[in-house]
Amino acid sequence: MAAARTSLLALGLALALAPAAAAPRPLDALYPSLDPALLEKARQAGGLSAPADSAAALSLVPAGEAGAALRKALEGRRYSFLVETLALVAEGIPEGEGKLGLFNAMTSFRELSGLTYRSHSRGEGAVLFDEATRISDLKKAAPLPDEALVALPEAAEYLVRLKDANFGTSYYRVGIDSRLPGLLFSMVNAKPLSVFLVTVAGEGEFFSLFYVERVEEGLLVYGLSGAKVGGFAAKRVDLPSAVRKRAAALRTWITGSRG
């Protein structure tokens, strides 16, 4: 009985000393001088999008440590173009959802199955990924279940296999870093991507970075995607369009996978 009382006291003390979740900061902490017209576009369903040909030309990167981490994550990557996106989702976000809830939503990879996009040939609602699953490795590629964690890791890495409408079966390395006020998500192809037996992007040359943070005004999602393409492949595949579509679809998954 005394041992049980001691355990209860220890648990109570641990809960009392546990750090409280940080309150969301205002959007202007990340965008102190964002044009109101651009903010209004970011609030719309399609979000805000802007092309860039270099890191120096980026115009939507958030300020402070989040922006510094994004620029660092871009270092060393091979690309011939970049696409920035910015969205602020103010509805449908549970009030109490913290970083762990966001992390678990962003690692529910099977929720990517059936994700749709607007196709030039098939119209609205075309399926982008017929199948999505976490896998054990690139050789055996044994499917693994999604797992909801009970404690937030500082960083985690995953391998994901997708059956892509354009690239067929494709493989990606996914990383999530939680050491910022929000979550930094990266997704990079782990094998070359091909269309009709033509390689359109070598390993590591098709990528998306997302910074996701709950702010006072809603859920902020900044995306930075790019790819390297040239020569014969550039004439056969509109890779900038493919990147934009997948960035938009991933943003939909990130903002819609709440639960």
C-alpha atoms as a PDB file:
ATOM      1  CA  MET A   1       0.000   0.000   0.000  1.00  0.00           C
ATOM      2  CA  ALA A   2       2.829   2.385   0.898  1.00  0.00           C
ATOM      3  CA  ALA A   3       4.589   1.475  -2.361  1.00  0.00           C
ATOM      4  CA  ALA A   4       1.420   2.244  -4.315  1.00  0.00           C
ATOM      5  CA  ARG A   5       1.092   5.610  -2.543  1.00  0.00           C
ATOM      6  CA  THR A   6       4.725   6.383  -3.333  1.00  0.00           C
ATOM      7  CA  SER A   7       4.169   5.514  -7.003  1.00  0.00           C
ATOM      8  CA  LEU A   8       1.118   7.769  -7.163  1.00  0.00           C
ATOM      9  CA  LEU A   9       3.023  10.615  -5.538  1.00  0.00           C
ATOM     10  CA  ALA A  10       5.904  10.140  -7.974  1.00  0.00           C
ATOM     11  CA  LEU A  11       3.505  10.160 -10.924  1.00  0.00           C
ATOM     12  CA  GLY A  12       1.793  13.295  -9.646  1.00  0.00           C
ATOM     13  CA  LEU A  13       5.134  15.027  -9.173  1.00  0.00           C
ATOM     14  CA  ALA A  14       6.260  14.031 -12.666  1.00  0.00           C
ATOM     15  CA  LEU A  15       3.060  15.411 -14.183  1.00  0.00           C
ATOM     16  CA  ALA A  16       3.370  18.616 -12.208  1.00  0.00           C
ATOM     17  CA  LEU A  17       6.949  19.119 -13.362  1.00  0.00           C
ATOM     18  CA  ALA A  18       6.284  18.189 -17.007  1.00  0.00           C
ATOM     19  CA  PRO A  19       6.753  21.198 -19.295  1.00  0.00           C
ATOM     20  CA  ALA A  20       3.509  22.682 -20.579  1.00  0.00           C
ATOM     21  CA  ALA A  21       2.970  22.754 -24.345  1.00  0.00           C
ATOM     22  CA  ALA A  22       4.110  26.062 -25.784  1.00  0.00           C
ATOM     23  CA  ALA A  23       1.303  28.361 -26.818  1.00  0.00           C
ATOM     24  CA  PRO A  24       1.104  28.970 -30.591  1.00  0.00           C
ATOM     25  CA  ARG A  25       2.920  32.102 -31.657  1.00  0.00           C
ATOM     26  CA  PRO A  26       1.366  34.654 -34.026  1.00  0.00           C
ATOM     27  CA  LEU A  27       1.881  34.393 -37.759  1.00  0.00           C
ATOM     28  CA  ASP A  28       3.832  37.650 -37.880  1.00  0.00           C
ATOM     29  CA  ALA A  29       6.587  35.991 -35.830  1.00  0.00           C
ATOM     30  CA  LEU A  30       7.314  34.023 -39.001  1.00  0.00           C
ATOM     31  CA  TYR A  31       6.163  36.616 -41.527  1.00  0.00           C
ATOM     32  CA  PRO A  32       6.624  40.061 -39.947  1.00  0.00           C
ATOM     33  CA  SER A  33       6.010  41.962 -43.201  1.00  0.00           C
ATOM     34  CA  LEU A  34       3.875  39.655 -45.355  1.00  0.00           C
ATOM     35  CA  ASP A  35       1.768  41.552 -47.879  1.00  0.00           C
ATOM     36  CA  PRO A  36      -1.929  41.274 -46.847  1.00  0.00           C
ATOM     37  CA  ALA A  37      -2.807  40.370 -50.450  1.00  0.00           C
ATOM     38  CA  LEU A  38      -0.389  37.423 -50.335  1.00  0.00           C
ATOM     39  CA  LEU A  39      -1.764  36.364 -46.951  1.00  0.00           C
ATOM     40  CA  GLU A  40      -5.262  36.332 -48.413  1.00  0.00           C
ATOM     41  CA  LYS A  41      -4.065  34.047 -51.232  1.00  0.00           C
ATOM     42  CA  ALA A  42      -2.384  31.787 -48.662  1.00  0.00           C
ATOM     43  CA  ARG A  43      -5.742  31.428 -46.904  1.00  0.00           C
ATOM     44  CA  GLN A  44      -7.503  30.264 -50.066  1.00  0.00           C
ATOM     45  CA  ALA A  45      -7.967  26.582 -50.932  1.00  0.00           C
ATOM     46  CA  GLY A  46      -5.178  26.509 -53.502  1.00  0.00           C
ATOM     47  CA  GLY A  47      -2.731  28.389 -51.305  1.00  0.00           C
ATOM     48  CA  LEU A  48       0.017  30.633 -52.647  1.00  0.00           C
ATOM     49  CA  SER A  49       2.651  29.433 -55.112  1.00  0.00           C
ATOM     50  CA  ALA A  50       5.772  31.085 -56.521  1.00  0.00           C
ATOM     51  CA  PRO A  51       8.560  29.770 -58.809  1.00  0.00           C
ATOM     52  CA  ALA A  52      12.272  30.361 -58.203  1.00  0.00           C
ATOM     53  CA  ASP A  53      15.458  29.344 -59.972  1.00  0.00           C
ATOM     54  CA  SER A  54      17.805  29.634 -57.000  1.00  0.00           C
ATOM     55  CA  ALA A  55      17.878  29.840 -53.212  1.00  0.00           C
ATOM     56  CA  ALA A  56      18.576  33.562 -53.494  1.00  0.00           C
ATOM     57  CA  ALA A  57      15.298  34.058 -55.398  1.00  0.00           C
ATOM     58  CA  LEU A  58      13.079  32.484 -52.711  1.00  0.00           C
ATOM     59  CA  SER A  59      10.451  34.971 -51.521  1.00  0.00           C
ATOM     60  CA  LEU A  60       8.182  33.073 -49.111  1.00  0.00           C
ATOM     61  CA  VAL A  61      10.644  31.436 -46.698  1.00  0.00           C
ATOM     62  CA  PRO A  62       9.629  32.118 -43.074  1.00  0.00           C
ATOM     63  CA  ALA A  63      11.852  34.239 -40.836  1.00  0.00           C
ATOM     64  CA  GLY A  64      14.040  33.071 -37.978  1.00  0.00           C
ATOM     65  CA  GLU A  65      15.163  29.551 -37.182  1.00  0.00           C
ATOM     66  CA  ALA A  66      12.538  27.925 -39.428  1.00  0.00           C
ATOM     67  CA  GLY A  67      13.807  29.787 -42.489  1.00  0.00           C
ATOM     68  CA  ALA A  68      17.424  29.052 -41.574  1.00  0.00           C
ATOM     69  CA  ALA A  69      16.643  25.326 -41.244  1.00  0.00           C
ATOM     70  CA  LEU A  70      14.882  25.277 -44.631  1.00  0.00           C
ATOM     71  CA  ARG A  71      17.781  26.981 -46.379  1.00  0.00           C
ATOM     72  CA  LYS A  72      20.220  24.583 -44.715  1.00  0.00           C
ATOM     73  CA  ALA A  73      18.095  21.606 -45.834  1.00  0.00           C
ATOM     74  CA  LEU A  74      18.317  22.946 -49.388  1.00  0.00           C
ATOM     75  CA  GLU A  75      22.122  23.098 -49.326  1.00  0.00           C
ATOM     76  CA  GLY A  76      23.824  20.503 -51.498  1.00  0.00           C
ATOM     77  CA  ARG A  77      20.641  19.514 -53.334  1.00  0.00           C
ATOM     78  CA  ARG A  78      20.727  19.324 -57.129  1.00  0.00           C
ATOM     79  CA  TYR A  79      17.918  21.182 -58.886  1.00  0.00           C
ATOM     80  CA  SER A  80      17.174  23.158 -62.034  1.00  0.00           C
ATOM     81  CA  PHE A  81      14.103  24.901 -60.613  1.00  0.00           C
ATOM     82  CA  LEU A  82      12.260  25.441 -57.326  1.00  0.00           C
ATOM     83  CA  VAL A  83       8.606  25.945 -56.396  1.00  0.00           C
ATOM     84  CA  GLU A  84       7.506  27.617 -53.140  1.00  0.00           C
ATOM     85  CA  THR A  85       4.049  27.209 -51.640  1.00  0.00           C
ATOM     86  CA  LEU A  86       2.428  28.818 -48.629  1.00  0.00           C
ATOM     87  CA  ALA A  87      -0.886  27.903 -47.021  1.00  0.00           C
ATOM     88  CA  LEU A  88      -2.668  28.936 -43.846  1.00  0.00           C
ATOM     89  CA  VAL A  89      -5.441  26.532 -42.842  1.00  0.00           C
ATOM     90  CA  ALA A  90      -7.717  28.105 -40.264  1.00  0.00           C
ATOM     91  CA  GLU A  91     -10.523  25.526 -40.120  1.00  0.00           C
ATOM     92  CA  GLY A  92     -10.725  21.848 -39.245  1.00  0.00           C
ATOM     93  CA  ILE A  93      -7.676  21.845 -36.947  1.00  0.00           C
ATOM     94  CA  PRO A  94      -8.477  20.349 -33.528  1.00  0.00           C
ATOM     95  CA  GLU A  95      -7.866  22.894 -30.770  1.00  0.00           C
ATOM     96  CA  GLY A  96      -5.667  20.654 -28.665  1.00  0.00           C
ATOM     97  CA  GLU A  97      -3.548  19.160 -31.420  1.00  0.00           C
ATOM     98  CA  GLY A  98       0.122  19.660 -30.714  1.00  0.00           C
ATOM     99  CA  LYS A  99       3.341  18.641 -32.422  1.00  0.00           C
ATOM    100  CA  LEU A 100       2.898  14.957 -31.588  1.00  0.00           C
ATOM    101  CA  GLY A 101      -0.520  14.913 -33.251  1.00  0.00           C
ATOM    102  CA  LEU A 102       0.928  16.629 -36.320  1.00  0.00           C
ATOM    103  CA  PHE A 103       3.859  14.204 -36.362  1.00  0.00           C
ATOM    104  CA  ASN A 104       1.561  11.171 -36.274  1.00  0.00           C
ATOM    105  CA  ALA A 105      -0.619  12.638 -39.037  1.00  0.00           C
ATOM    106  CA  MET A 106       2.459  13.296 -41.188  1.00  0.00           C
ATOM    107  CA  THR A 107       3.655   9.705 -40.761  1.00  0.00           C
ATOM    108  CA  SER A 108       0.303   8.144 -41.667  1.00  0.00           C
ATOM    109  CA  PHE A 109       1.767   7.240 -45.043  1.00  0.00           C
ATOM    110  CA  ARG A 110      -1.036   4.911 -46.067  1.00  0.00           C
ATOM    111  CA  GLU A 111      -3.312   7.954 -46.073  1.00  0.00           C
ATOM    112  CA  LEU A 112      -1.442   9.001 -49.234  1.00  0.00           C
ATOM    113  CA  SER A 113      -3.203   6.152 -51.083  1.00  0.00           C
ATOM    114  CA  GLY A 114      -5.980   7.560 -53.230  1.00  0.00           C
ATOM    115  CA  LEU A 115      -4.708  11.143 -52.986  1.00  0.00           C
ATOM    116  CA  THR A 116      -5.991  13.070 -56.014  1.00  0.00           C
ATOM    117  CA  TYR A 117      -4.830  15.944 -58.181  1.00  0.00           C
ATOM    118  CA  ARG A 118      -5.912  17.831 -61.292  1.00  0.00           C
ATOM    119  CA  SER A 119      -4.645  16.111 -64.448  1.00  0.00           C
ATOM    120  CA  HIS A 120      -4.509  17.854 -67.834  1.00  0.00           C
ATOM    121  CA  SER A 121      -5.695  14.688 -69.536  1.00  0.00           C
ATOM    122  CA  ARG A 122      -7.979  13.170 -66.880  1.00  0.00           C
ATOM    123  CA  GLY A 123      -9.317  16.316 -65.234  1.00  0.00           C
ATOM    124  CA  GLU A 124     -10.056  16.946 -61.563  1.00  0.00           C
ATOM    125  CA  GLY A 125      -9.951  14.037 -59.124  1.00  0.00           C
ATOM    126  CA  ALA A 126      -7.302  11.922 -60.867  1.00  0.00           C
ATOM    127  CA  VAL A 127      -5.593   9.558 -58.422  1.00  0.00           C
ATOM    128  CA  LEU A 128      -1.938  10.458 -57.899  1.00  0.00           C
ATOM    129  CA  PHE A 129      -0.849   7.563 -55.677  1.00  0.00           C
ATOM    130  CA  ASP A 130      -2.620   4.206 -56.080  1.00  0.00           C
ATOM    131  CA  GLU A 131      -0.725   2.770 -53.135  1.00  0.00           C
ATOM    132  CA  ALA A 132       1.493   4.104 -50.381  1.00  0.00           C
ATOM    133  CA  THR A 133       3.242   2.238 -47.603  1.00  0.00           C
ATOM    134  CA  ARG A 134       6.216   2.452 -45.314  1.00  0.00           C
ATOM    135  CA  ILE A 135       8.793  -0.238 -46.118  1.00  0.00           C
ATOM    136  CA  SER A 136      11.631  -2.015 -44.314  1.00  0.00           C
ATOM    137  CA  ASP A 137      14.422  -1.302 -46.829  1.00  0.00           C
ATOM    138  CA  LEU A 138      15.046  -0.703 -50.525  1.00  0.00           C
ATOM    139  CA  LYS A 139      15.930  -4.325 -51.361  1.00  0.00           C
ATOM    140  CA  LYS A 140      13.226  -6.468 -49.768  1.00  0.00           C
ATOM    141  CA  ALA A 141      10.797  -3.551 -49.483  1.00  0.00           C
ATOM    142  CA  ALA A 142       8.607  -5.423 -47.002  1.00  0.00           C
ATOM    143  CA  PRO A 143       5.566  -3.291 -46.146  1.00  0.00           C
ATOM    144  CA  LEU A 144       5.379  -1.975 -42.586  1.00  0.00           C
ATOM    145  CA  PRO A 145       2.319  -0.612 -40.759  1.00  0.00           C
ATOM    146  CA  ASP A 146       2.031   3.031 -39.851  1.00  0.00           C
ATOM    147  CA  GLU A 147       2.672   3.590 -36.144  1.00  0.00           C
ATOM    148  CA  ALA A 148       1.298   6.345 -33.938  1.00  0.00           C
ATOM    149  CA  LEU A 149       3.978   7.352 -31.428  1.00  0.00           C
ATOM    150  CA  VAL A 150       3.219   8.290 -27.824  1.00  0.00           C
ATOM    151  CA  ALA A 151       6.331  10.456 -27.438  1.00  0.00           C
ATOM    152  CA  LEU A 152       7.714  12.969 -29.908  1.00  0.00           C
ATOM    153  CA  PRO A 153      11.205  12.096 -31.234  1.00  0.00           C
ATOM    154  CA  GLU A 154      13.699  14.828 -32.062  1.00  0.00           C
ATOM    155  CA  ALA A 155      14.092  13.351 -35.528  1.00  0.00           C
ATOM    156  CA  ALA A 156      12.929  10.281 -37.438  1.00  0.00           C
ATOM    157  CA  GLU A 157      13.538   8.735 -40.857  1.00  0.00           C
ATOM    158  CA  TYR A 158      11.366   6.443 -42.980  1.00  0.00           C
ATOM    159  CA  LEU A 159      11.415   4.691 -46.342  1.00  0.00           C
ATOM    160  CA  VAL A 160       8.183   4.936 -48.326  1.00  0.00           C
ATOM    161  CA  ARG A 161       7.044   3.175 -51.507  1.00  0.00           C
ATOM    162  CA  LEU A 162       4.495   4.882 -53.743  1.00  0.00           C
ATOM    163  CA  LYS A 163       2.691   3.675 -56.856  1.00  0.00           C
ATOM    164  CA  ASP A 164       2.718   6.944 -58.747  1.00  0.00           C
ATOM    165  CA  ALA A 165       0.359   7.814 -61.622  1.00  0.00           C
ATOM    166  CA  ASN A 166       3.294   9.100 -63.707  1.00  0.00           C
ATOM    167  CA  PHE A 167       6.442   7.493 -62.313  1.00  0.00           C
ATOM    168  CA  GLY A 168       5.112   4.028 -61.459  1.00  0.00           C
ATOM    169  CA  THR A 169       6.559   2.344 -58.377  1.00  0.00           C
ATOM    170  CA  SER A 170       8.845   4.873 -56.722  1.00  0.00           C
ATOM    171  CA  TYR A 171      10.777   5.055 -53.460  1.00  0.00           C
ATOM    172  CA  TYR A 172      11.377   7.987 -51.121  1.00  0.00           C
ATOM    173  CA  ARG A 173      13.347   8.795 -48.004  1.00  0.00           C
ATOM    174  CA  VAL A 174      11.246  10.792 -45.563  1.00  0.00           C
ATOM    175  CA  GLY A 175      12.670  12.698 -42.610  1.00  0.00           C
ATOM    176  CA  ILE A 176      10.929  14.702 -39.884  1.00  0.00           C
ATOM    177  CA  ASP A 177      12.723  17.015 -37.461  1.00  0.00           C
ATOM    178  CA  SER A 178      10.822  18.315 -34.420  1.00  0.00           C
ATOM    179  CA  ARG A 179      13.525  20.481 -32.849  1.00  0.00           C
ATOM    180  CA  LEU A 180      12.017  23.686 -34.246  1.00  0.00           C
ATOM    181  CA  PRO A 181       8.797  25.280 -32.997  1.00  0.00           C
ATOM    182  CA  GLY A 182       7.107  23.383 -35.824  1.00  0.00           C
ATOM    183  CA  LEU A 183       7.986  20.259 -37.828  1.00  0.00           C
ATOM    184  CA  LEU A 184      10.415  20.151 -40.754  1.00  0.00           C
ATOM    185  CA  PHE A 185       9.416  17.420 -43.224  1.00  0.00           C
ATOM    186  CA  SER A 186      11.608  16.275 -46.124  1.00  0.00           C
ATOM    187  CA  MET A 187      10.812  13.796 -48.888  1.00  0.00           C
ATOM    188  CA  VAL A 188      13.504  12.844 -51.440  1.00  0.00           C
ATOM    189  CA  ASN A 189      13.464  10.130 -54.111  1.00  0.00           C
ATOM    190  CA  ALA A 190      15.633   7.191 -53.050  1.00  0.00           C
ATOM    191  CA  LYS A 191      15.817   5.734 -56.584  1.00  0.00           C
ATOM    192  CA  PRO A 192      15.745   7.346 -60.043  1.00  0.00           C
ATOM    193  CA  LEU A 193      12.302   8.279 -61.413  1.00  0.00           C
ATOM    194  CA  SER A 194      11.375   7.195 -64.935  1.00  0.00           C
ATOM    195  CA  VAL A 195       8.587   7.746 -67.455  1.00  0.00           C
ATOM    196  CA  PHE A 196       8.314   5.315 -70.397  1.00  0.00           C
ATOM    197  CA  LEU A 197      11.787   3.945 -69.558  1.00  0.00           C
ATOM    198  CA  VAL A 198      13.259   7.459 -69.704  1.00  0.00           C
ATOM    199  CA  THR A 199      14.954   8.594 -66.487  1.00  0.00           C
ATOM    200  CA  VAL A 200      13.628  12.046 -65.637  1.00  0.00           C
ATOM    201  CA  ALA A 201      15.277  12.520 -62.226  1.00  0.00           C
ATOM    202  CA  GLY A 202      18.250  10.752 -60.692  1.00  0.00           C
ATOM    203  CA  GLU A 203      18.404   9.614 -57.100  1.00  0.00           C
ATOM    204  CA  GLY A 204      18.002  12.576 -54.748  1.00  0.00           C
ATOM    205  CA  GLU A 205      17.004  14.946 -57.562  1.00  0.00           C
ATOM    206  CA  PHE A 206      13.253  15.158 -56.827  1.00  0.00           C
ATOM    207  CA  PHE A 207      12.428  16.581 -53.422  1.00  0.00           C
ATOM    208  CA  SER A 208       9.906  18.385 -51.252  1.00  0.00           C
ATOM    209  CA  LEU A 209      10.538  20.207 -47.980  1.00  0.00           C
ATOM    210  CA  PHE A 210       7.686  21.344 -45.744  1.00  0.00           C
ATOM    211  CA  TYR A 211       7.675  23.401 -42.588  1.00  0.00           C
ATOM    212  CA  VAL A 212       4.469  22.948 -40.575  1.00  0.00           C
ATOM    213  CA  GLU A 213       3.630  24.941 -37.461  1.00  0.00           C
ATOM    214  CA  ARG A 214       0.454  25.667 -35.601  1.00  0.00           C
ATOM    215  CA  VAL A 215       0.203  29.449 -35.195  1.00  0.00           C
ATOM    216  CA  GLU A 216      -2.478  31.550 -33.536  1.00  0.00           C
ATOM    217  CA  GLU A 217      -4.265  32.003 -36.867  1.00  0.00           C
ATOM    218  CA  GLY A 218      -4.330  28.300 -37.835  1.00  0.00           C
ATOM    219  CA  LEU A 219      -1.959  25.750 -39.355  1.00  0.00           C
ATOM    220  CA  LEU A 220       0.910  27.218 -41.364  1.00  0.00           C
ATOM    221  CA  VAL A 221       2.321  25.018 -44.139  1.00  0.00           C
ATOM    222  CA  TYR A 222       5.308  26.288 -46.139  1.00  0.00           C
ATOM    223  CA  GLY A 223       6.553  24.071 -48.961  1.00  0.00           C
ATOM    224  CA  LEU A 224       9.738  24.136 -51.018  1.00  0.00           C
ATOM    225  CA  SER A 225       9.993  21.596 -53.833  1.00  0.00           C
ATOM    226  CA  GLY A 226      12.330  21.125 -56.748  1.00  0.00           C
ATOM    227  CA  ALA A 227      13.948  18.753 -59.201  1.00  0.00           C
ATOM    228  CA  LYS A 228      16.853  18.545 -61.592  1.00  0.00           C
ATOM    229  CA  VAL A 229      16.051  17.785 -65.207  1.00  0.00           C
ATOM    230  CA  GLY A 230      17.765  18.415 -68.491  1.00  0.00           C
ATOM    231  CA  GLY A 231      18.534  17.056 -71.943  1.00  0.00           C
ATOM    232  CA  PHE A 232      16.163  14.551 -73.553  1.00  0.00           C
ATOM    233  CA  ALA A 233      14.043  14.093 -70.417  1.00  0.00           C
ATOM    234  CA  ALA A 234      13.300  17.823 -70.263  1.00  0.00           C
ATOM    235  CA  LYS A 235      11.654  17.608 -73.672  1.00  0.00           C
ATOM    236  CA  ARG A 236       9.569  14.553 -72.818  1.00  0.00           C
ATOM    237  CA  VAL A 237       8.295  15.425 -69.321  1.00  0.00           C
ATOM    238  CA  ASP A 238       6.989  18.692 -67.858  1.00  0.00           C
ATOM    239  CA  LEU A 239       8.785  18.162 -64.573  1.00  0.00           C
ATOM    240  CA  PRO A 240       7.969  21.607 -63.112  1.00  0.00           C
ATOM    241  CA  SER A 241       4.275  20.764 -63.523  1.00  0.00           C
ATOM    242  CA  ALA A 242       4.801  17.337 -61.928  1.00  0.00           C
ATOM    243  CA  VAL A 243       6.589  18.936 -58.973  1.00  0.00           C
ATOM    244  CA  ARG A 244       3.853  21.534 -58.463  1.00  0.00           C
ATOM    245  CA  LYS A 245       1.113  18.873 -58.555  1.00  0.00           C
ATOM    246  CA  ARG A 246       2.857  16.651 -56.046  1.00  0.00           C
ATOM    247  CA  ALA A 247       3.674  19.558 -53.755  1.00  0.00           C
ATOM    248  CA  ALA A 248      -0.004  20.578 -53.782  1.00  0.00           C
ATOM    249  CA  ALA A 249      -1.108  16.981 -53.149  1.00  0.00           C
ATOM    250  CA  LEU A 250       1.341  16.558 -50.263  1.00  0.00           C
ATOM    251  CA  ARG A 251       0.129  19.806 -48.732  1.00  0.00           C
ATOM    252  CA  THR A 252      -3.453  18.520 -48.982  1.00  0.00           C
ATOM    253  CA  TRP A 253      -2.362  15.324 -47.217  1.00  0.00           C
ATOM    254  CA  ILE A 254      -0.562  17.260 -44.472  1.00  0.00           C
ATOM    255  CA  THR A 255      -3.452  19.619 -43.805  1.00  0.00           C
ATOM    256  CA  GLY A 256      -6.178  17.008 -44.301  1.00  0.00           C
ATOM    257  CA  SER A 257      -4.718  14.119 -42.307  1.00  0.00           C
ATOM    258  CA  ARG A 258      -5.918  15.468 -38.986  1.00  0.00           C
ATOM    259  CA  GLY A 259      -7.595  13.069 -36.656  1.00  0.00           C
END
